[in-house]
Amino acid sequence: MKSAEVVKIREFGLLLKEGDKSDIDCHSIAAKAFEWLLINGQSSNEKSVELVRVKKYGKQVALQVVNYVGVLETPCGTRIEILPKISDEDNCKGSSKRVLLKMLSTVNKLSLQQFEQSSLKTLKQPLFEILIGYFLREVSLVVKRGIRSEYKRVEARSPYLKGQLKTAKQMRQRPGCQNRFHVSYDHFSLDRAENRLIHAALRQALKWTKSNENHRLGRELQFALNDIPTSNNYAIDFRKWSTDRTLVHYCGVKPWCELILSYQSPLSLSGFHKGISFLFPIEALFERYVSIKLQRYLPTNLLLKIQSNSQPLVHHCSSISEKEEGWFKLKPDILISNKHTNQVVCVADTKWKRINENYGSAKIKYDISQSDMYQMFAYGHKYLAGEGEVYLIYPKYSEFTKPLAPFTFSQKLKVIAVPYDLDTDQCELINRISI
């Protein structure tokens, strides 16, 4: 297989046009790849996605990748691997890649059974090849444990009687065609929704992979699925995916199929070319990951809700509706309440930003955004009735390792900024929640 150029860079890193610059935060790419990103990677309207911004780098023009992580392939074959920026000391040991894989596996419910024991050799592989490798292993498990068939009702004109004779159709046959029988019967077939989706995802993965090992295993698996057609309508086939107990061994492969076939569609650049567009907004990924992990550590009497919008910012009685309505819904990322009393215990927002615990001056303010404080002020008054503590959750790194002293809105309402450790999944918020 012809190997593609793989460029590894962290979010908000710079891409330069050609040259020999090679760094985790600044990397040179081919001129064709640079020009394609310059044209297609910038936002042209509200609906389009912004992947890069034009920046000055000395006397050169650079492209800064923004808040998406994952893999992108340009038409010339250059693959850009964008990793989350979780520390200042990132190197080839793959800590960023390990964290990203862990977040993806948790949020998208991907089965990475041997992930925690992943060798350094595995982590040195391109991100996309690692993901394809795990998908192929899941397909391999399905094939080894047995590809399931199902009965399908077939109606046909047959030269012999089989199953049920369709009497009405048989009687309407033209003279001279009585040697054919209109029959209906059940056929035990591998052609079912689950198998069609797996085959479609496998074909897509084989188009993407540049790894000899992945390509070899994929071809072997495709041979086993060769008699099964691929899915023509992913959405309909996913709705038909059975939860029958005979398909327990299919559970692990379904999230992979959803991801590869873009059924969940993290981001799609369809229309530009046939390369990879496998990107995830890091803010949303961090929010979902933190909420899932916090839910696992909560006491059983507490319930966590994501993006709850039960409270509006204002109420207004317009002349059109003639009744008071709630406008501008407030949607905190995390809302924790008591299951029995429905009383809100904790309100928190996740922010994928790097704040600095050493910059506590009135001018710099730890690099905390003023708009974030306004947001938390509104949450505290609407969800906690102006009494209690609200939380801002930021990723932990070398310059933010412990919770900051509370910021006081009033004597009864405070906001606390706490770090979330993506390596150990430790967060001070759990210890502060009142049961």
Protein backbone atom coordinates (compact mmCIF):
# COMPACT_ATOMS: atom_id res chain seq x y z
CA MET A 1 0.00 0.00 0.00
CA LYS A 2 1.20 3.51 -0.77
CA SER A 3 1.72 5.36 2.48
CA ALA A 4 0.25 8.83 2.84
CA GLU A 5 2.05 11.73 4.45
CA VAL A 6 0.84 11.97 8.04
CA VAL A 7 1.17 15.34 9.77
CA LYS A 8 0.69 15.34 13.54
CA ILE A 9 -0.25 18.62 15.16
CA ARG A 10 -2.11 19.79 18.25
CA GLU A 11 -5.22 21.95 18.23
CA PHE A 12 -4.47 25.62 17.56
CA GLY A 13 -1.15 24.62 16.01
CA LEU A 14 0.11 26.21 12.79
CA LEU A 15 0.41 24.70 9.32
CA LEU A 16 3.01 26.19 6.99
CA LYS A 17 3.32 25.95 3.22
CA GLU A 18 6.13 23.49 2.40
CA GLY A 19 9.51 23.89 4.13
CA ASP A 20 11.11 21.57 6.68
CA LYS A 21 9.37 22.73 9.87
CA SER A 22 8.21 19.71 11.92
CA ASP A 23 6.85 20.33 15.41
CA ILE A 24 3.81 19.30 17.42
CA ASP A 25 2.56 22.93 17.33
CA CYS A 26 3.94 24.02 13.94
CA HIS A 27 4.31 21.78 10.90
CA SER A 28 4.99 22.21 7.19
CA ILE A 29 2.63 20.55 4.72
CA ALA A 30 2.58 20.13 0.96
CA ALA A 31 1.66 23.20 -1.11
CA LYS A 32 -1.40 21.46 -2.60
CA ALA A 33 -2.69 20.53 0.87
CA PHE A 34 -2.09 24.06 2.15
CA GLU A 35 -3.94 25.66 -0.77
CA TRP A 36 -6.87 23.24 -0.46
CA LEU A 37 -7.25 24.04 3.25
CA LEU A 38 -6.97 27.75 2.54
CA ILE A 39 -9.91 27.54 0.13
CA ASN A 40 -12.10 24.92 1.82
CA GLY A 41 -11.13 25.07 5.49
CA GLN A 42 -12.38 28.57 6.28
CA SER A 43 -15.97 29.40 7.15
CA SER A 44 -17.79 31.18 4.32
CA ASN A 45 -21.21 31.40 6.00
CA GLU A 46 -23.01 30.50 9.23
CA LYS A 47 -23.67 26.90 8.18
CA SER A 48 -20.15 26.03 7.02
CA VAL A 49 -17.52 24.69 9.41
CA GLU A 50 -14.35 26.61 10.19
CA LEU A 51 -11.34 24.30 10.31
CA VAL A 52 -8.50 26.80 9.94
CA ARG A 53 -7.79 30.49 10.37
CA VAL A 54 -5.19 32.53 8.54
CA LYS A 55 -2.36 33.71 10.82
CA LYS A 56 0.96 35.50 10.35
CA TYR A 57 4.08 33.47 11.16
CA GLY A 58 7.03 35.78 10.76
CA LYS A 59 6.99 36.76 7.09
CA GLN A 60 4.93 33.71 6.13
CA VAL A 61 1.20 33.08 6.04
CA ALA A 62 0.19 30.17 8.25
CA LEU A 63 -3.05 28.28 8.82
CA GLN A 64 -4.07 27.72 12.43
CA VAL A 65 -6.18 24.63 13.09
CA VAL A 66 -9.04 25.44 15.46
CA ASN A 67 -11.11 23.52 17.97
CA TYR A 68 -11.53 20.21 16.14
CA VAL A 69 -9.59 17.03 16.82
CA GLY A 70 -9.32 13.87 14.74
CA VAL A 71 -8.15 13.17 11.20
CA LEU A 72 -8.54 15.07 7.94
CA GLU A 73 -7.27 14.02 4.53
CA THR A 74 -6.76 16.46 1.67
CA PRO A 75 -7.23 15.45 -2.00
CA CYS A 76 -3.47 15.15 -2.53
CA GLY A 77 -3.28 12.42 0.14
CA THR A 78 -1.88 14.44 3.05
CA ARG A 79 -3.40 13.29 6.33
CA ILE A 80 -3.51 15.82 9.15
CA GLU A 81 -3.85 14.31 12.61
CA ILE A 82 -5.09 16.93 15.10
CA LEU A 83 -4.61 16.03 18.77
CA PRO A 84 -5.93 17.78 21.90
CA LYS A 85 -3.55 20.12 23.69
CA ILE A 86 -3.47 18.70 27.21
CA SER A 87 0.04 19.65 28.30
CA ASP A 88 3.02 21.79 27.35
CA GLU A 89 5.39 18.84 27.44
CA ASP A 90 3.68 16.65 24.83
CA ASN A 91 6.10 14.45 22.93
CA CYS A 92 6.20 11.24 20.93
CA LYS A 93 5.04 9.15 23.91
CA GLY A 94 1.47 9.63 22.73
CA SER A 95 -0.19 11.07 25.85
CA SER A 96 -2.48 13.29 23.76
CA LYS A 97 -3.40 10.39 21.51
CA ARG A 98 -4.10 8.14 24.49
CA VAL A 99 -6.41 10.75 26.05
CA LEU A 100 -8.22 11.37 22.76
CA LEU A 101 -8.80 7.65 22.19
CA LYS A 102 -10.11 7.32 25.73
CA MET A 103 -12.52 10.23 25.24
CA LEU A 104 -13.75 8.89 21.89
CA SER A 105 -14.24 5.38 23.27
CA THR A 106 -16.28 6.72 26.21
CA VAL A 107 -18.43 9.24 24.36
CA ASN A 108 -19.13 7.08 21.30
CA LYS A 109 -19.35 3.84 23.32
CA LEU A 110 -16.57 2.23 21.33
CA SER A 111 -15.19 -1.01 22.68
CA LEU A 112 -11.43 -0.71 23.19
CA GLN A 113 -10.93 -3.67 25.52
CA GLN A 114 -7.16 -3.74 25.31
CA PHE A 115 -6.82 0.02 25.13
CA GLU A 116 -5.42 0.60 28.63
CA GLN A 117 -2.70 -1.95 27.86
CA SER A 118 -1.91 -0.38 24.50
CA SER A 119 1.76 -0.59 23.75
CA LEU A 120 3.90 2.37 22.79
CA LYS A 121 4.19 0.79 19.34
CA THR A 122 0.40 0.94 18.95
CA LEU A 123 0.21 4.58 20.04
CA LYS A 124 2.91 5.52 17.53
CA GLN A 125 0.62 4.45 14.70
CA PRO A 126 -1.50 7.12 13.00
CA LEU A 127 -4.68 7.81 14.95
CA PHE A 128 -6.97 6.70 12.16
CA GLU A 129 -5.17 3.41 11.67
CA ILE A 130 -5.57 2.68 15.39
CA LEU A 131 -9.34 3.29 15.17
CA ILE A 132 -9.68 1.16 12.03
CA GLY A 133 -7.67 -1.59 13.70
CA TYR A 134 -10.07 -1.74 16.67
CA PHE A 135 -13.07 -1.75 14.32
CA LEU A 136 -11.63 -4.66 12.33
CA ARG A 137 -11.11 -6.63 15.55
CA GLU A 138 -14.78 -6.14 16.44
CA VAL A 139 -15.84 -7.36 12.99
CA SER A 140 -13.48 -10.32 13.40
CA LEU A 141 -15.20 -11.25 16.68
CA VAL A 142 -18.60 -11.19 14.95
CA VAL A 143 -17.34 -13.47 12.16
CA LYS A 144 -15.71 -15.90 14.62
CA ARG A 145 -18.83 -16.14 16.80
CA GLY A 146 -21.11 -16.54 13.81
CA ILE A 147 -22.78 -14.25 11.30
CA ARG A 148 -26.48 -14.38 12.06
CA SER A 149 -29.15 -15.04 9.44
CA GLU A 150 -32.89 -14.37 9.51
CA TYR A 151 -35.98 -15.60 7.67
CA LYS A 152 -37.09 -13.31 4.85
CA ARG A 153 -40.43 -13.61 3.10
CA VAL A 154 -39.91 -14.20 -0.64
CA GLU A 155 -42.56 -14.04 -3.36
CA ALA A 156 -41.60 -15.52 -6.74
CA ARG A 157 -42.72 -17.39 -9.87
CA SER A 158 -41.23 -20.82 -9.52
CA PRO A 159 -41.16 -23.89 -11.83
CA TYR A 160 -42.10 -26.00 -8.80
CA LEU A 161 -44.27 -25.66 -5.73
CA LYS A 162 -42.48 -24.31 -2.69
CA GLY A 163 -44.03 -22.89 0.43
CA GLN A 164 -47.46 -21.26 -0.01
CA LEU A 165 -49.26 -21.10 -3.36
CA LYS A 166 -50.64 -17.61 -4.12
CA THR A 167 -54.00 -18.82 -5.42
CA ALA A 168 -55.37 -15.47 -6.65
CA LYS A 169 -52.26 -14.71 -8.72
CA GLN A 170 -52.11 -18.27 -10.00
CA MET A 171 -55.70 -18.08 -11.29
CA ARG A 172 -55.01 -14.79 -13.09
CA GLN A 173 -52.13 -16.28 -15.12
CA ARG A 174 -52.42 -16.17 -18.89
CA PRO A 175 -53.10 -19.43 -20.73
CA GLY A 176 -49.94 -21.28 -21.53
CA CYS A 177 -48.14 -20.11 -18.38
CA GLN A 178 -49.61 -22.71 -16.07
CA ASN A 179 -46.23 -24.41 -15.72
CA ARG A 180 -45.12 -21.56 -13.39
CA PHE A 181 -46.32 -21.24 -9.81
CA HIS A 182 -46.79 -18.02 -7.83
CA VAL A 183 -45.42 -18.99 -4.43
CA SER A 184 -44.48 -17.35 -1.17
CA TYR A 185 -41.94 -18.87 1.21
CA ASP A 186 -39.45 -18.02 3.97
CA HIS A 187 -35.78 -17.94 3.02
CA PHE A 188 -33.05 -18.17 5.68
CA SER A 189 -30.71 -15.42 4.55
CA LEU A 190 -27.63 -13.50 5.72
CA ASP A 191 -29.12 -10.40 4.09
CA ARG A 192 -30.24 -8.52 7.21
CA ALA A 193 -29.77 -4.91 8.35
CA GLU A 194 -26.93 -5.57 10.80
CA ASN A 195 -24.84 -7.49 8.29
CA ARG A 196 -25.45 -4.94 5.52
CA LEU A 197 -24.22 -2.12 7.77
CA ILE A 198 -21.13 -4.03 8.87
CA HIS A 199 -20.25 -4.80 5.26
CA ALA A 200 -20.75 -1.14 4.26
CA ALA A 201 -18.56 0.08 7.14
CA LEU A 202 -15.90 -2.51 6.29
CA ARG A 203 -15.76 -1.37 2.67
CA GLN A 204 -15.42 2.24 3.78
CA ALA A 205 -12.63 1.38 6.21
CA LEU A 206 -10.76 -0.48 3.46
CA LYS A 207 -10.92 2.63 1.26
CA TRP A 208 -9.42 4.72 4.05
CA THR A 209 -6.70 2.49 5.48
CA LYS A 210 -3.10 2.77 4.34
CA SER A 211 -1.84 0.14 6.77
CA ASN A 212 -0.77 -3.21 5.28
CA GLU A 213 -1.88 -5.03 8.42
CA ASN A 214 -5.33 -3.43 8.48
CA HIS A 215 -5.73 -3.96 4.75
CA ARG A 216 -4.86 -7.66 5.00
CA LEU A 217 -7.30 -8.29 7.86
CA GLY A 218 -9.99 -6.21 6.16
CA ARG A 219 -9.72 -8.26 2.95
CA GLU A 220 -10.05 -11.49 4.90
CA LEU A 221 -13.19 -10.21 6.64
CA GLN A 222 -14.63 -8.92 3.38
CA PHE A 223 -14.29 -12.40 1.91
CA ALA A 224 -16.44 -13.73 4.80
CA LEU A 225 -19.09 -11.06 4.11
CA ASN A 226 -18.89 -11.23 0.33
CA ASP A 227 -22.36 -12.77 -0.16
CA ILE A 228 -24.03 -9.98 1.84
CA PRO A 229 -25.06 -6.77 0.02
CA THR A 230 -24.06 -3.42 1.51
CA SER A 231 -26.63 -1.10 3.03
CA ASN A 232 -28.37 1.36 0.71
CA ASN A 233 -30.00 3.38 3.48
CA TYR A 234 -28.01 3.65 6.70
CA ALA A 235 -30.68 5.44 8.74
CA ILE A 236 -33.37 2.83 8.01
CA ASP A 237 -31.03 -0.11 8.61
CA PHE A 238 -29.84 1.33 11.92
CA ARG A 239 -33.46 1.56 13.04
CA LYS A 240 -33.85 -2.12 12.11
CA TRP A 241 -30.80 -3.16 14.16
CA SER A 242 -32.13 -5.90 16.44
CA THR A 243 -31.52 -6.16 20.18
CA ASP A 244 -32.32 -9.87 20.16
CA ARG A 245 -30.20 -11.93 22.57
CA THR A 246 -28.87 -14.00 19.67
CA LEU A 247 -27.08 -10.82 18.51
CA VAL A 248 -25.29 -10.03 21.76
CA HIS A 249 -21.91 -10.38 20.07
CA TYR A 250 -22.98 -7.67 17.57
CA CYS A 251 -23.29 -5.00 20.31
CA GLY A 252 -19.63 -3.99 20.20
CA VAL A 253 -19.52 -3.37 16.46
CA LYS A 254 -22.64 -1.16 16.19
CA PRO A 255 -21.06 2.09 17.55
CA TRP A 256 -18.14 1.60 15.17
CA CYS A 257 -20.52 1.27 12.22
CA GLU A 258 -22.34 4.43 13.33
CA LEU A 259 -19.08 6.31 13.52
CA ILE A 260 -17.58 5.10 10.24
CA LEU A 261 -20.78 5.52 8.24
CA SER A 262 -21.23 9.02 9.71
CA TYR A 263 -24.66 8.10 11.03
CA GLN A 264 -23.82 10.17 14.13
CA SER A 265 -21.97 12.57 11.83
CA PRO A 266 -19.34 14.30 14.02
CA LEU A 267 -18.41 16.39 11.00
CA SER A 268 -18.71 15.81 7.30
CA LEU A 269 -16.89 17.47 4.45
CA SER A 270 -18.83 15.63 1.79
CA GLY A 271 -18.70 17.14 -1.65
CA PHE A 272 -15.06 18.18 -1.58
CA HIS A 273 -13.38 14.84 -2.23
CA LYS A 274 -13.41 11.19 -1.20
CA GLY A 275 -10.83 11.48 1.57
CA ILE A 276 -11.28 11.20 5.31
CA SER A 277 -13.22 13.71 7.32
CA PHE A 278 -13.20 12.33 10.84
CA LEU A 279 -13.23 15.39 13.08
CA PHE A 280 -14.80 16.07 16.46
CA PRO A 281 -15.52 19.43 18.15
CA ILE A 282 -13.33 19.20 21.24
CA GLU A 283 -15.62 21.33 23.43
CA ALA A 284 -18.57 18.98 22.86
CA LEU A 285 -16.32 15.93 23.28
CA PHE A 286 -14.98 17.24 26.60
CA GLU A 287 -18.47 18.11 27.84
CA ARG A 288 -19.90 14.67 27.04
CA TYR A 289 -16.86 12.86 28.44
CA VAL A 290 -16.90 14.73 31.76
CA SER A 291 -20.64 14.26 32.21
CA ILE A 292 -20.42 10.51 31.54
CA LYS A 293 -17.55 10.08 34.00
CA LEU A 294 -19.23 12.21 36.70
CA GLN A 295 -22.44 10.19 36.36
CA ARG A 296 -20.53 7.00 37.20
CA TYR A 297 -19.18 8.46 40.44
CA LEU A 298 -22.44 10.01 41.67
CA PRO A 299 -24.40 8.49 44.58
CA THR A 300 -27.46 6.53 43.46
CA ASN A 301 -29.88 9.16 44.76
CA LEU A 302 -28.51 11.84 42.40
CA LEU A 303 -29.37 12.28 38.72
CA LEU A 304 -27.21 14.05 36.17
CA LYS A 305 -28.79 15.80 33.17
CA ILE A 306 -26.95 17.24 30.18
CA GLN A 307 -27.96 20.53 28.57
CA SER A 308 -31.10 20.85 30.68
CA ASN A 309 -33.20 23.84 29.61
CA SER A 310 -35.93 23.91 32.25
CA GLN A 311 -35.28 27.53 33.26
CA PRO A 312 -35.59 30.64 31.04
CA LEU A 313 -33.56 33.78 31.54
CA VAL A 314 -36.64 36.05 31.48
CA HIS A 315 -40.43 35.80 31.43
CA HIS A 316 -42.47 37.99 29.15
CA CYS A 317 -46.16 38.47 28.33
CA SER A 318 -46.49 39.53 24.70
CA SER A 319 -49.56 40.91 23.00
CA ILE A 320 -49.52 37.98 20.60
CA SER A 321 -49.60 35.12 23.11
CA GLU A 322 -51.44 37.02 25.89
CA LYS A 323 -49.76 34.84 28.47
CA GLU A 324 -46.41 34.90 30.20
CA GLU A 325 -43.75 32.92 28.38
CA GLY A 326 -40.18 31.98 29.22
CA TRP A 327 -37.63 33.39 26.80
CA PHE A 328 -33.91 32.67 26.27
CA LYS A 329 -33.63 29.19 27.77
CA LEU A 330 -30.63 28.61 30.02
CA LYS A 331 -28.80 25.36 29.25
CA PRO A 332 -26.07 24.45 31.74
CA ASP A 333 -23.83 21.63 30.53
CA ILE A 334 -24.33 19.62 33.73
CA LEU A 335 -27.28 19.74 36.10
CA ILE A 336 -27.30 17.38 39.11
CA SER A 337 -30.50 16.96 41.11
CA ASN A 338 -31.97 14.70 43.77
CA LYS A 339 -34.05 11.91 42.19
CA HIS A 340 -36.61 11.92 44.98
CA THR A 341 -37.14 15.64 45.58
CA ASN A 342 -36.06 17.03 42.17
CA GLN A 343 -34.06 19.63 44.08
CA VAL A 344 -31.04 20.91 42.14
CA VAL A 345 -27.83 20.01 43.96
CA CYS A 346 -25.18 21.24 41.52
CA VAL A 347 -24.90 23.31 38.35
CA ALA A 348 -21.70 23.12 36.29
CA ASP A 349 -20.37 24.14 32.89
CA THR A 350 -17.41 22.55 31.12
CA LYS A 351 -14.98 24.84 29.32
CA TRP A 352 -12.24 23.56 27.03
CA LYS A 353 -9.91 26.43 27.87
CA ARG A 354 -6.54 26.70 29.55
CA ILE A 355 -6.68 28.97 32.58
CA ASN A 356 -3.62 29.77 34.68
CA GLU A 357 -3.76 29.58 38.48
CA ASN A 358 -0.68 31.84 38.69
CA TYR A 359 -2.33 34.77 36.89
CA GLY A 360 -4.59 36.01 39.69
CA SER A 361 -4.23 39.71 39.07
CA ALA A 362 -7.19 42.02 38.47
CA LYS A 363 -5.93 42.55 34.93
CA ILE A 364 -5.50 38.95 33.77
CA LYS A 365 -8.07 37.21 36.06
CA TYR A 366 -6.61 33.70 35.55
CA ASP A 367 -7.61 33.97 31.85
CA ILE A 368 -11.23 33.29 32.82
CA SER A 369 -13.73 34.81 30.40
CA GLN A 370 -16.08 37.49 31.72
CA SER A 371 -18.91 36.00 29.66
CA ASP A 372 -18.42 32.68 31.50
CA MET A 373 -18.94 34.47 34.81
CA TYR A 374 -22.11 36.15 33.54
CA GLN A 375 -23.32 32.75 32.43
CA MET A 376 -22.70 31.17 35.84
CA PHE A 377 -24.36 34.11 37.58
CA ALA A 378 -27.54 33.47 35.57
CA TYR A 379 -27.41 29.71 36.27
CA GLY A 380 -26.96 30.30 40.01
CA HIS A 381 -29.94 32.60 40.27
CA LYS A 382 -32.28 30.57 38.07
CA TYR A 383 -31.41 27.00 39.11
CA LEU A 384 -30.22 27.53 42.72
CA ALA A 385 -32.40 30.55 43.61
CA GLY A 386 -29.28 32.59 44.24
CA GLU A 387 -27.97 30.35 47.00
CA GLY A 388 -25.20 27.76 46.75
CA GLU A 389 -22.21 27.03 44.52
CA VAL A 390 -21.88 26.77 40.76
CA TYR A 391 -18.85 25.26 39.04
CA LEU A 392 -16.67 25.90 36.02
CA ILE A 393 -14.80 22.74 34.95
CA TYR A 394 -11.57 23.23 32.99
CA PRO A 395 -9.04 20.61 31.81
CA LYS A 396 -6.17 20.10 34.21
CA TYR A 397 -2.61 20.83 33.07
CA SER A 398 0.66 22.01 34.61
CA GLU A 399 -0.57 25.58 35.22
CA PHE A 400 -3.98 24.62 36.63
CA THR A 401 -3.76 21.78 39.14
CA LYS A 402 -6.10 22.71 42.01
CA PRO A 403 -9.44 24.51 42.47
CA LEU A 404 -9.29 28.27 42.63
CA ALA A 405 -10.57 30.13 45.68
CA PRO A 406 -14.34 30.77 45.32
CA PHE A 407 -15.48 33.81 43.36
CA THR A 408 -18.25 35.51 45.29
CA PHE A 409 -21.37 36.78 43.57
CA SER A 410 -23.05 37.42 46.92
CA GLN A 411 -22.83 36.10 50.46
CA LYS A 412 -24.95 33.12 49.44
CA LEU A 413 -23.85 32.47 45.83
CA LYS A 414 -20.34 31.52 44.71
CA VAL A 415 -18.63 30.09 41.64
CA ILE A 416 -15.66 27.72 41.86
CA ALA A 417 -13.27 26.84 39.03
CA VAL A 418 -12.10 23.22 39.29
CA PRO A 419 -9.68 21.17 37.13
CA TYR A 420 -10.57 17.84 35.52
CA ASP A 421 -7.67 15.42 35.19
CA LEU A 422 -8.07 13.63 31.84
CA ASP A 423 -5.33 11.13 32.70
CA THR A 424 -6.78 9.88 36.00
CA ASP A 425 -10.39 11.12 35.67
CA GLN A 426 -10.15 12.84 39.05
CA CYS A 427 -12.21 15.95 39.74
CA GLU A 428 -12.69 17.86 42.99
CA LEU A 429 -16.32 18.48 42.08
CA ILE A 430 -17.36 14.99 43.23
CA ASN A 431 -16.10 15.64 46.77
CA ARG A 432 -17.90 18.98 46.92
CA ILE A 433 -21.36 17.79 45.91
CA SER A 434 -23.74 17.71 48.83
CA ILE A 435 -25.66 14.44 49.05
